[in-house]
Amino acid sequence: MGMTSRERVLAAIHHEEPDRVPIILGVSNATGIKMRPYRALKRLIGVEAPDAYIYDWPELGTAAVDEETLRRLHSDVRGVLDREPASILGRNRQREPHSPFIDSWGSGQREVQPGVWFPGVHPLAAATTVEEIDAYPWPDMDDPSRVAHVGEEARRLREADEYAIMATPWLLFPFERAFAMQGMDRFLLNMASRPDFAAALLRKLGDLCQVLMRNFLLAIGENIDIIKIGDDLGTQQSLLISPEMYREMLKPVHADFIRLIKDHTDAKILFHTDGDVFPLIEDFIEIGVDILNPIQTSAGKMADLKTLKERFGKRIILCGGIDTSHILPNGTPEDVRQEVKRVIEILGPGGGYLVSSVHTVMDDVPPENILAMVDAVEEFGGYPIGG
């Protein structure tokens, strides 16, 4: 008799070999599916579920995948998400069509083409002093509507005991939140030219995120297996900041955040960070990251899966690895099938690997390739790998 999905995931994240490599797909903005390919996928497999968006946030553009489709995708994980305060969601539903979406932080997204939204509202763009940080009207992270639903959702999933549960709170990334508040270019410049200001902003954002995380964890209780956090730190060829700057300014914020989580739960911590973050993997392990996602195989040294597995595979779980830059959008289903086989044969042995696309499945991915990916895991992911 095969394992349940939860048993399969628990084995893998404890560096044991389950019956097959687990699949994590469709359950967060880092492992999700955009609305356009989701609609196409539903048409292809004959599912008539209504469209819905994760976090009740249409401008984010990521689908809340229905249960029938998740089962067809063989996804072994289900997500429990926070949301913006009810007042903010209500205000945005009532705003003028095509006007900016403004979140509870005062930052927001502008519509750059019909139905496509991009960060473009940065309320602290001109700030350069700690006094401006102190004077800003920061959001109420204790608003109960952010997490009022998560306890019941997690309890229902745990009572069914079929799938692993991943808590996926969205508003928890100090580095990316600093970009939202100031704009990426402006904040990176401030990190170099005004390090005291930049450090103070990161610390303020980290403190606010800790309040929300504590409330989330208290609401969800022990009904959780994985919790996703993260900050995008990499580019296609390198890091956004130097390893030294990371260790001095951002690593302590991440370390405090992870310490808080581990004080409240035994759940494994999944850290999402795009790009070539190879130089920081030892740092992630040191501060308590359990699972690294998305293993962007198109980015620099992250393409060297053999070295990743050999150097880090016994100390950190690897999650992702199925390329969304070239293979999934541009390959044939057979190309996808062979790439999944290749990645599994390198990362799968000994456990410690979860299959997922590199970040969210984007609009340019054909639904046939999504099915080719998950079906190839069924074909090639059984243990022993290659047996």
Protein backbone atom coordinates (compact mmCIF):
# COMPACT_ATOMS: atom_id res chain seq x y z
CA MET A 1 0.00 0.00 0.00
CA GLY A 2 1.36 3.42 -0.97
CA MET A 3 1.93 6.33 1.35
CA THR A 4 -0.52 9.15 1.84
CA SER A 5 0.59 12.48 0.46
CA ARG A 6 1.39 13.72 3.95
CA GLU A 7 3.44 10.64 4.79
CA ARG A 8 5.29 11.07 1.50
CA VAL A 9 6.18 14.70 2.22
CA LEU A 10 7.15 14.04 5.84
CA ALA A 11 9.52 11.29 4.75
CA ALA A 12 11.16 13.51 2.14
CA ILE A 13 11.62 16.50 4.46
CA HIS A 14 13.25 14.23 7.03
CA HIS A 15 15.77 13.07 4.40
CA GLU A 16 14.15 9.67 3.99
CA GLU A 17 13.03 7.99 0.78
CA PRO A 18 9.23 7.87 0.40
CA ASP A 19 7.37 5.81 -2.20
CA ARG A 20 7.86 8.58 -4.77
CA VAL A 21 9.24 12.09 -4.91
CA PRO A 22 6.57 14.47 -3.53
CA ILE A 23 5.02 17.19 -5.67
CA ILE A 24 4.31 20.67 -4.35
CA LEU A 25 2.31 22.69 -6.88
CA GLY A 26 -0.57 25.12 -6.79
CA VAL A 27 -0.48 26.06 -3.10
CA SER A 28 1.35 29.40 -2.80
CA ASN A 29 2.56 32.32 -4.88
CA ALA A 30 5.97 30.63 -5.03
CA THR A 31 4.65 27.20 -6.08
CA GLY A 32 1.46 28.30 -7.80
CA ILE A 33 -0.14 28.70 -11.21
CA LYS A 34 -1.13 32.00 -12.80
CA MET A 35 -4.77 32.40 -13.77
CA ARG A 36 -4.33 32.10 -17.54
CA PRO A 37 -2.63 28.67 -17.54
CA TYR A 38 -4.96 27.56 -14.74
CA ARG A 39 -7.98 28.29 -16.92
CA ALA A 40 -6.38 26.48 -19.84
CA LEU A 41 -5.53 23.53 -17.60
CA LYS A 42 -9.12 23.26 -16.37
CA ARG A 43 -10.36 23.22 -19.96
CA LEU A 44 -7.86 20.53 -20.88
CA ILE A 45 -8.80 18.18 -18.04
CA GLY A 46 -12.52 18.98 -18.07
CA VAL A 47 -12.81 20.69 -14.67
CA GLU A 48 -15.56 23.30 -14.30
CA ALA A 49 -14.53 24.88 -10.99
CA PRO A 50 -14.94 28.67 -10.71
CA ASP A 51 -11.96 30.99 -10.91
CA ALA A 52 -10.56 32.25 -7.62
CA TYR A 53 -7.34 33.97 -6.53
CA ILE A 54 -5.02 33.20 -3.66
CA TYR A 55 -5.11 35.72 -0.81
CA ASP A 56 -8.37 37.05 -2.36
CA TRP A 57 -6.01 39.21 -4.40
CA PRO A 58 -6.83 39.31 -8.14
CA GLU A 59 -4.04 41.79 -8.92
CA LEU A 60 -1.47 39.26 -7.79
CA GLY A 61 -2.77 37.07 -10.59
CA THR A 62 -2.16 33.65 -9.01
CA ALA A 63 -4.98 31.12 -8.98
CA ALA A 64 -6.45 29.46 -5.92
CA VAL A 65 -6.40 26.04 -7.51
CA ASP A 66 -9.53 23.95 -6.93
CA GLU A 67 -9.33 20.58 -5.23
CA GLU A 68 -10.18 18.48 -8.31
CA THR A 69 -7.36 20.09 -10.27
CA LEU A 70 -4.92 19.74 -7.37
CA ARG A 71 -5.68 16.02 -7.31
CA ARG A 72 -5.06 15.72 -11.05
CA LEU A 73 -1.73 17.47 -10.50
CA HIS A 74 -0.87 14.85 -7.85
CA SER A 75 0.01 17.73 -5.52
CA ASP A 76 0.95 16.37 -2.10
CA VAL A 77 0.62 19.67 -0.23
CA ARG A 78 -2.26 21.97 0.64
CA GLY A 79 -1.82 25.60 1.64
CA VAL A 80 -3.22 27.74 4.42
CA LEU A 81 -2.85 31.44 3.67
CA ASP A 82 -3.29 34.71 5.51
CA ARG A 83 -4.91 37.67 3.77
CA GLU A 84 -4.91 41.44 3.83
CA PRO A 85 -7.23 43.03 6.42
CA ALA A 86 -10.91 42.88 5.51
CA SER A 87 -11.06 46.67 5.33
CA ILE A 88 -8.27 46.78 2.74
CA LEU A 89 -9.79 44.04 0.61
CA GLY A 90 -13.18 45.77 0.77
CA ARG A 91 -11.71 49.14 -0.15
CA ASN A 92 -9.91 47.69 -3.17
CA ARG A 93 -13.03 45.92 -4.40
CA GLN A 94 -14.82 49.28 -4.41
CA ARG A 95 -12.08 51.36 -6.05
CA GLU A 96 -12.29 52.75 -9.57
CA PRO A 97 -11.59 50.13 -12.26
CA HIS A 98 -7.92 50.02 -13.37
CA SER A 99 -6.83 52.31 -10.54
CA PRO A 100 -3.85 51.23 -8.38
CA PHE A 101 -4.25 48.48 -5.81
CA ILE A 102 -2.99 49.88 -2.49
CA ASP A 103 -2.23 47.38 0.25
CA SER A 104 -2.26 47.80 4.01
CA TRP A 105 1.34 49.05 3.97
CA GLY A 106 0.49 51.93 1.64
CA SER A 107 2.46 50.40 -1.24
CA GLY A 108 0.74 49.07 -4.30
CA GLN A 109 0.50 47.88 -7.87
CA ARG A 110 -0.39 49.68 -11.07
CA GLU A 111 -2.00 48.14 -14.14
CA VAL A 112 0.72 48.17 -16.81
CA GLN A 113 -1.46 46.48 -19.43
CA PRO A 114 -5.01 45.17 -19.23
CA GLY A 115 -5.13 42.64 -16.42
CA VAL A 116 -1.39 42.81 -15.69
CA TRP A 117 -0.27 44.52 -12.50
CA PHE A 118 3.21 45.51 -11.38
CA PRO A 119 4.57 47.17 -8.21
CA GLY A 120 4.56 50.91 -8.83
CA VAL A 121 3.40 52.71 -5.66
CA HIS A 122 6.27 53.33 -3.22
CA PRO A 123 5.18 55.53 -0.30
CA LEU A 124 8.66 55.92 1.23
CA ALA A 125 10.50 56.47 -2.05
CA ALA A 126 11.96 59.79 -0.90
CA ALA A 127 12.72 58.79 2.70
CA THR A 128 16.33 58.86 3.87
CA THR A 129 16.13 59.26 7.66
CA VAL A 130 15.19 57.15 10.65
CA GLU A 131 12.80 59.93 11.68
CA GLU A 132 10.81 59.38 8.49
CA ILE A 133 10.60 55.68 9.28
CA ASP A 134 9.32 56.45 12.78
CA ALA A 135 6.74 58.93 11.47
CA TYR A 136 5.25 56.61 8.84
CA PRO A 137 1.71 55.26 9.53
CA TRP A 138 2.61 51.56 9.67
CA PRO A 139 -0.13 48.92 9.31
CA ASP A 140 -1.86 47.18 12.20
CA MET A 141 -0.40 43.69 12.13
CA ASP A 142 -2.74 42.68 14.95
CA ASP A 143 -5.85 43.16 12.80
CA PRO A 144 -7.67 39.86 13.51
CA SER A 145 -9.11 39.57 10.00
CA ARG A 146 -5.62 38.78 8.68
CA VAL A 147 -5.59 35.33 10.31
CA ALA A 148 -9.14 34.72 11.61
CA HIS A 149 -9.71 31.90 9.10
CA VAL A 150 -6.44 29.99 9.30
CA GLY A 151 -7.12 27.93 12.42
CA GLU A 152 -10.27 26.31 11.04
CA GLU A 153 -8.74 25.69 7.61
CA ALA A 154 -5.69 24.00 9.11
CA ARG A 155 -7.78 21.97 11.56
CA ARG A 156 -9.95 20.63 8.73
CA LEU A 157 -6.92 19.61 6.69
CA ARG A 158 -5.22 17.96 9.66
CA GLU A 159 -8.32 15.98 10.63
CA ALA A 160 -8.46 14.60 7.09
CA ASP A 161 -4.74 13.79 7.45
CA GLU A 162 -4.30 13.25 3.71
CA TYR A 163 -2.02 16.09 2.64
CA ALA A 164 0.95 17.92 4.11
CA ILE A 165 0.00 21.42 5.24
CA MET A 166 2.09 24.41 4.23
CA ALA A 167 1.39 27.74 5.84
CA THR A 168 1.99 30.39 3.22
CA PRO A 169 1.70 33.87 4.74
CA TRP A 170 2.37 36.44 2.03
CA LEU A 171 3.26 39.67 3.82
CA LEU A 172 6.47 38.54 5.46
CA PHE A 173 9.52 39.54 3.45
CA PRO A 174 11.56 42.47 4.85
CA PHE A 175 13.91 42.85 1.85
CA GLU A 176 11.13 42.71 -0.73
CA ARG A 177 8.90 44.85 1.46
CA ALA A 178 11.64 47.49 1.51
CA PHE A 179 11.55 47.41 -2.31
CA ALA A 180 7.78 47.90 -2.15
CA MET A 181 8.13 50.85 0.20
CA GLN A 182 10.99 52.60 -1.63
CA GLY A 183 11.40 50.98 -5.04
CA MET A 184 14.16 48.46 -5.70
CA ASP A 185 16.71 50.86 -7.16
CA ARG A 186 16.21 53.44 -4.42
CA PHE A 187 16.50 50.96 -1.56
CA LEU A 188 19.57 49.22 -3.00
CA LEU A 189 21.20 52.65 -3.37
CA ASN A 190 20.34 53.44 0.23
CA MET A 191 21.86 50.17 1.40
CA ALA A 192 25.15 51.32 -0.11
CA SER A 193 25.02 55.05 0.65
CA ARG A 194 22.86 55.24 3.79
CA PRO A 195 23.42 51.89 5.56
CA ASP A 196 22.10 53.12 8.92
CA PHE A 197 18.81 54.15 7.32
CA ALA A 198 18.55 50.94 5.31
CA ALA A 199 19.28 48.79 8.36
CA ALA A 200 16.68 50.68 10.40
CA LEU A 201 14.05 50.16 7.69
CA LEU A 202 14.82 46.44 7.45
CA ARG A 203 14.60 46.09 11.21
CA LYS A 204 11.28 47.96 11.36
CA LEU A 205 9.83 45.77 8.61
CA GLY A 206 11.18 42.65 10.29
CA ASP A 207 9.59 43.62 13.61
CA LEU A 208 6.20 44.16 11.96
CA CYS A 209 6.47 40.87 10.12
CA GLN A 210 7.26 39.10 13.38
CA VAL A 211 4.02 40.40 14.89
CA LEU A 212 2.02 38.98 12.01
CA MET A 213 3.92 35.70 12.05
CA ARG A 214 3.39 35.26 15.79
CA ASN A 215 -0.35 35.85 15.36
CA PHE A 216 -0.46 33.44 12.41
CA LEU A 217 1.32 30.70 14.32
CA LEU A 218 -0.84 31.12 17.41
CA ALA A 219 -3.95 30.88 15.24
CA ILE A 220 -2.83 27.81 13.31
CA GLY A 221 -1.48 25.85 16.27
CA GLU A 222 0.30 22.56 15.64
CA ASN A 223 -1.65 21.83 12.45
CA ILE A 224 1.23 22.64 10.13
CA ASP A 225 4.09 20.74 8.50
CA ILE A 226 5.89 23.45 6.50
CA ILE A 227 5.89 27.23 6.74
CA LYS A 228 7.02 29.33 3.79
CA ILE A 229 9.00 32.53 4.19
CA GLY A 230 11.60 34.15 1.96
CA ASP A 231 13.22 37.12 0.26
CA ASP A 232 14.32 37.24 -3.37
CA LEU A 233 18.08 37.74 -3.16
CA GLY A 234 19.43 36.57 -6.51
CA THR A 235 19.64 37.46 -10.17
CA GLN A 236 20.30 35.23 -13.18
CA GLN A 237 24.06 35.38 -12.59
CA SER A 238 24.72 36.63 -9.07
CA LEU A 239 23.26 38.21 -5.94
CA LEU A 240 21.39 41.50 -5.66
CA ILE A 241 23.72 42.44 -2.81
CA SER A 242 27.12 41.14 -1.82
CA PRO A 243 27.41 38.22 0.59
CA GLU A 244 29.07 40.60 3.03
CA MET A 245 26.17 43.06 2.87
CA TYR A 246 23.70 40.22 3.30
CA ARG A 247 25.52 38.96 6.39
CA GLU A 248 25.78 42.39 7.92
CA MET A 249 22.35 43.87 7.19
CA LEU A 250 19.79 41.22 6.31
CA LYS A 251 20.94 37.90 7.74
CA PRO A 252 20.34 39.04 11.36
CA VAL A 253 16.77 40.01 10.42
CA HIS A 254 16.20 36.62 8.81
CA ALA A 255 17.81 34.83 11.75
CA ASP A 256 15.56 36.58 14.28
CA PHE A 257 12.54 35.77 12.16
CA ILE A 258 13.42 32.10 11.92
CA ARG A 259 14.16 31.95 15.65
CA LEU A 260 10.66 33.26 16.36
CA ILE A 261 9.11 30.60 14.11
CA LYS A 262 11.09 27.77 15.68
CA ASP A 263 10.04 28.99 19.14
CA HIS A 264 6.40 28.47 18.14
CA THR A 265 6.34 25.42 15.87
CA ASP A 266 8.22 22.30 14.85
CA ALA A 267 7.22 22.86 11.21
CA LYS A 268 9.98 22.86 8.64
CA ILE A 269 10.89 26.30 7.28
CA LEU A 270 10.80 26.68 3.49
CA PHE A 271 12.81 29.70 2.38
CA HIS A 272 11.95 31.01 -1.09
CA THR A 273 14.57 33.02 -2.93
CA ASP A 274 14.98 33.33 -6.67
CA GLY A 275 18.17 33.50 -8.67
CA ASP A 276 21.74 32.38 -8.11
CA VAL A 277 21.96 32.26 -4.32
CA PHE A 278 24.64 29.57 -4.21
CA PRO A 279 27.04 31.77 -2.14
CA LEU A 280 24.45 32.08 0.64
CA ILE A 281 23.30 28.49 1.07
CA GLU A 282 25.66 27.89 3.99
CA ASP A 283 24.22 31.02 5.62
CA PHE A 284 20.68 29.75 5.15
CA ILE A 285 21.59 26.43 6.77
CA GLU A 286 23.29 28.24 9.65
CA ILE A 287 20.21 30.33 10.51
CA GLY A 288 17.84 27.36 10.40
CA VAL A 289 16.38 27.14 6.91
CA ASP A 290 15.15 23.58 6.33
CA ILE A 291 13.93 23.72 2.72
CA LEU A 292 15.37 25.85 -0.10
CA ASN A 293 13.08 26.87 -2.96
CA PRO A 294 12.91 27.21 -5.98
CA ILE A 295 16.36 25.94 -7.14
CA GLN A 296 16.36 28.17 -10.22
CA THR A 297 18.25 25.97 -12.64
CA SER A 298 18.58 28.78 -15.21
CA ALA A 299 20.54 30.96 -12.77
CA GLY A 300 24.31 30.68 -12.46
CA LYS A 301 25.63 28.00 -10.12
CA MET A 302 22.12 26.86 -9.24
CA ALA A 303 22.21 24.97 -12.54
CA ASP A 304 24.86 22.64 -11.08
CA LEU A 305 22.40 20.25 -9.47
CA LYS A 306 25.01 17.58 -8.85
CA THR A 307 27.12 19.92 -6.73
CA LEU A 308 24.05 21.20 -4.89
CA LYS A 309 23.06 17.67 -3.98
CA GLU A 310 26.57 16.60 -2.99
CA ARG A 311 27.42 19.68 -0.90
CA PHE A 312 24.09 20.49 0.69
CA GLY A 313 21.67 17.62 0.11
CA LYS A 314 22.12 16.03 3.54
CA ARG A 315 21.69 19.36 5.37
CA ILE A 316 18.90 21.12 3.50
CA ILE A 317 15.89 19.90 1.52
CA LEU A 318 15.82 21.04 -2.10
CA CYS A 319 12.47 22.09 -3.58
CA GLY A 320 11.77 23.12 -7.16
CA GLY A 321 14.18 22.63 -10.02
CA ILE A 322 11.82 22.31 -13.02
CA ASP A 323 12.77 25.18 -15.30
CA THR A 324 10.16 27.85 -16.04
CA SER A 325 12.46 30.02 -18.19
CA HIS A 326 12.85 27.65 -21.15
CA ILE A 327 11.66 24.08 -20.68
CA LEU A 328 8.12 24.58 -19.35
CA PRO A 329 7.11 27.49 -21.60
CA ASN A 330 8.98 26.55 -24.78
CA GLY A 331 9.65 22.81 -24.67
CA THR A 332 7.48 19.99 -25.92
CA PRO A 333 5.78 17.67 -23.43
CA GLU A 334 8.57 15.18 -24.17
CA ASP A 335 11.19 17.85 -23.38
CA VAL A 336 9.45 18.44 -20.07
CA ARG A 337 9.26 14.72 -19.39
CA GLN A 338 12.98 14.26 -19.96
CA GLU A 339 13.90 17.29 -17.85
CA VAL A 340 11.85 16.01 -14.93
CA LYS A 341 13.58 12.65 -15.27
CA ARG A 342 17.00 14.33 -15.30
CA VAL A 343 16.32 16.49 -12.24
CA ILE A 344 14.80 13.65 -10.23
CA GLU A 345 17.74 11.35 -10.98
CA ILE A 346 20.14 13.97 -9.57
CA LEU A 347 18.18 15.43 -6.64
CA GLY A 348 15.91 12.55 -5.67
CA PRO A 349 18.20 9.80 -4.31
CA GLY A 350 18.17 9.55 -0.52
CA GLY A 351 15.09 11.75 -0.18
CA GLY A 352 15.33 15.44 0.64
CA TYR A 353 13.76 16.60 -2.63
CA LEU A 354 10.33 18.04 -3.46
CA VAL A 355 9.42 18.51 -7.12
CA SER A 356 8.06 21.89 -8.12
CA SER A 357 8.32 24.37 -10.94
CA VAL A 358 10.83 27.17 -10.52
CA HIS A 359 8.47 29.71 -8.98
CA THR A 360 4.90 30.11 -10.15
CA VAL A 361 3.81 28.60 -13.47
CA MET A 362 3.56 31.71 -15.62
CA ASP A 363 1.20 32.73 -18.42
CA ASP A 364 3.42 31.39 -21.19
CA VAL A 365 3.32 27.75 -20.02
CA PRO A 366 0.98 25.48 -22.04
CA PRO A 367 -1.31 23.27 -19.94
CA GLU A 368 -0.02 20.17 -21.72
CA ASN A 369 3.43 20.87 -20.25
CA ILE A 370 2.03 21.23 -16.73
CA LEU A 371 0.52 17.76 -17.05
CA ALA A 372 3.71 16.42 -18.62
CA MET A 373 5.64 17.65 -15.57
CA VAL A 374 3.47 16.01 -12.93
CA ASP A 375 2.92 12.83 -14.92
CA ALA A 376 6.68 12.46 -15.37
CA VAL A 377 7.05 12.53 -11.58
CA GLU A 378 4.63 9.61 -11.41
CA GLU A 379 6.65 7.85 -14.12
CA PHE A 380 10.18 8.49 -12.92
CA GLY A 381 9.84 9.54 -9.27
CA GLY A 382 9.27 6.18 -7.63
CA TYR A 383 11.88 4.92 -5.17
CA PRO A 384 14.41 3.58 -5.60
CA ILE A 385 15.15 6.25 -8.18
CA GLY A 386 15.91 4.61 -11.50
CA GLY A 387 14.84 1.23 -10.13
